[in-house]
Protein backbone atom coordinates (compact mmCIF):
# COMPACT_ATOMS: atom_id res chain seq x y z
CA MET A 1 112.04 66.62 116.58
CA SER A 2 108.55 65.41 115.53
CA PRO A 3 105.95 67.72 113.59
CA ARG A 4 103.85 69.49 116.21
CA ARG A 5 100.40 67.22 115.69
CA LYS A 6 97.72 69.58 116.60
CA ALA A 7 97.30 73.07 116.87
CA ARG A 8 98.00 74.85 120.36
CA LYS A 9 94.89 75.09 122.68
CA GLU A 10 95.26 78.70 122.94
CA GLU A 11 94.84 78.62 119.16
CA GLN A 12 91.87 76.04 119.26
CA LEU A 13 89.91 78.86 121.24
CA THR A 14 91.38 82.50 119.79
CA GLY A 15 92.41 82.12 116.45
CA GLU A 16 90.49 83.53 114.04
CA LEU A 17 88.49 81.88 111.06
CA SER A 18 87.86 83.42 108.11
CA GLY A 19 85.54 83.35 104.83
CA ASP A 20 83.76 79.97 104.70
CA LEU A 21 85.72 78.57 107.17
CA ALA A 22 84.05 81.15 109.23
CA THR A 23 80.71 80.78 108.26
CA TYR A 24 81.29 76.74 108.69
CA GLU A 25 82.55 77.73 112.14
CA LYS A 26 79.26 79.63 112.91
CA PHE A 27 76.37 77.54 111.35
CA GLY A 28 78.09 74.22 111.06
CA LEU A 29 80.87 73.26 113.41
CA PHE A 30 79.46 74.18 116.33
CA GLN A 31 75.89 72.62 115.26
CA ARG A 32 76.83 69.23 114.57
CA ALA A 33 76.07 66.48 117.19
CA ILE A 34 79.87 66.14 118.35
CA SER A 35 81.36 66.57 121.81
CA LYS A 36 82.71 70.10 122.59
CA ARG A 37 86.34 68.74 122.70
CA THR A 38 85.85 67.37 119.44
CA THR A 39 84.34 70.53 118.30
CA TYR A 40 87.22 72.68 119.42
CA ARG A 41 89.64 69.71 117.96
CA TYR A 42 88.10 70.44 114.78
CA ARG A 43 88.50 74.01 114.72
CA GLY A 44 92.11 73.79 115.46
CA VAL A 45 92.38 71.45 112.17
CA LEU A 46 90.55 74.45 110.23
CA LEU A 47 92.98 77.40 111.62
CA LEU A 48 95.70 74.99 110.39
CA TYR A 49 94.12 74.37 107.17
CA GLN A 50 93.36 78.46 106.76
CA LYS A 51 97.45 79.00 107.54
CA PHE A 52 97.84 76.39 104.87
CA LEU A 53 95.85 77.93 102.29
CA ALA A 54 97.71 81.39 102.57
CA GLY A 55 95.05 83.14 101.28
CA ASP A 56 93.85 81.06 98.84
CA SER A 57 90.28 79.60 98.54
CA PRO A 58 89.05 76.67 100.64
CA SER A 59 88.40 73.93 98.03
CA LEU A 60 88.35 69.84 97.67
CA GLU A 61 91.89 70.14 95.91
CA ALA A 62 93.20 72.46 98.83
CA SER A 63 91.88 69.84 101.46
CA LYS A 64 93.63 67.00 99.81
CA LEU A 65 96.77 68.78 99.10
CA PHE A 66 96.82 69.89 103.06
CA LEU A 67 96.44 65.99 103.54
CA ALA A 68 99.08 65.03 101.52
CA HIS A 69 101.59 67.74 102.54
CA LEU A 70 100.81 66.61 106.35
CA ARG A 71 101.44 62.87 105.62
CA LYS A 72 104.75 63.75 103.81
CA HIS A 73 105.35 65.65 107.37
CA GLY A 74 105.31 62.43 109.07
CA TYR A 75 101.34 62.74 110.59
CA GLY A 76 99.89 59.25 111.69
CA PRO A 77 97.11 57.89 110.43
CA SER A 78 94.94 58.41 113.35
CA THR A 79 95.91 62.21 113.19
CA LEU A 80 95.16 62.20 109.41
CA ARG A 81 91.86 60.51 109.87
CA ILE A 82 90.70 63.12 112.29
CA TYR A 83 91.56 65.57 110.04
CA ARG A 84 90.06 64.23 107.16
CA ALA A 85 86.77 64.24 108.96
CA ALA A 86 87.11 67.59 109.88
CA LEU A 87 87.90 68.70 106.45
CA LYS A 88 85.32 66.75 105.07
CA GLY A 89 82.15 68.33 107.47
CA PHE A 90 83.20 71.48 105.88
CA GLN A 91 83.55 70.23 102.56
CA LEU A 92 79.84 69.32 102.67
CA HIS A 93 78.63 72.20 104.66
CA LEU A 94 79.91 74.25 101.27
CA ARG A 95 77.33 72.23 99.40
């Protein structure tokens, strides 16, 4: 069985982000000039990232570990590019 490649639709729409991720969602993610579909896809990525963090604070190092974890579990290059783009937007927002 292959790993799940993206967040479920209901999680992209109803999952709750917290802390810096919630701030980015409110003041960064939905303010960007990207399509609504991409916005919700990125939100799903952030929800999976938050789950991966398991209560730890988001950081550049944590983002790298998350992407390495996904690569190890069979996520393909195009999917990893989407995840990287979502995390990059978040990291830029933190600056």
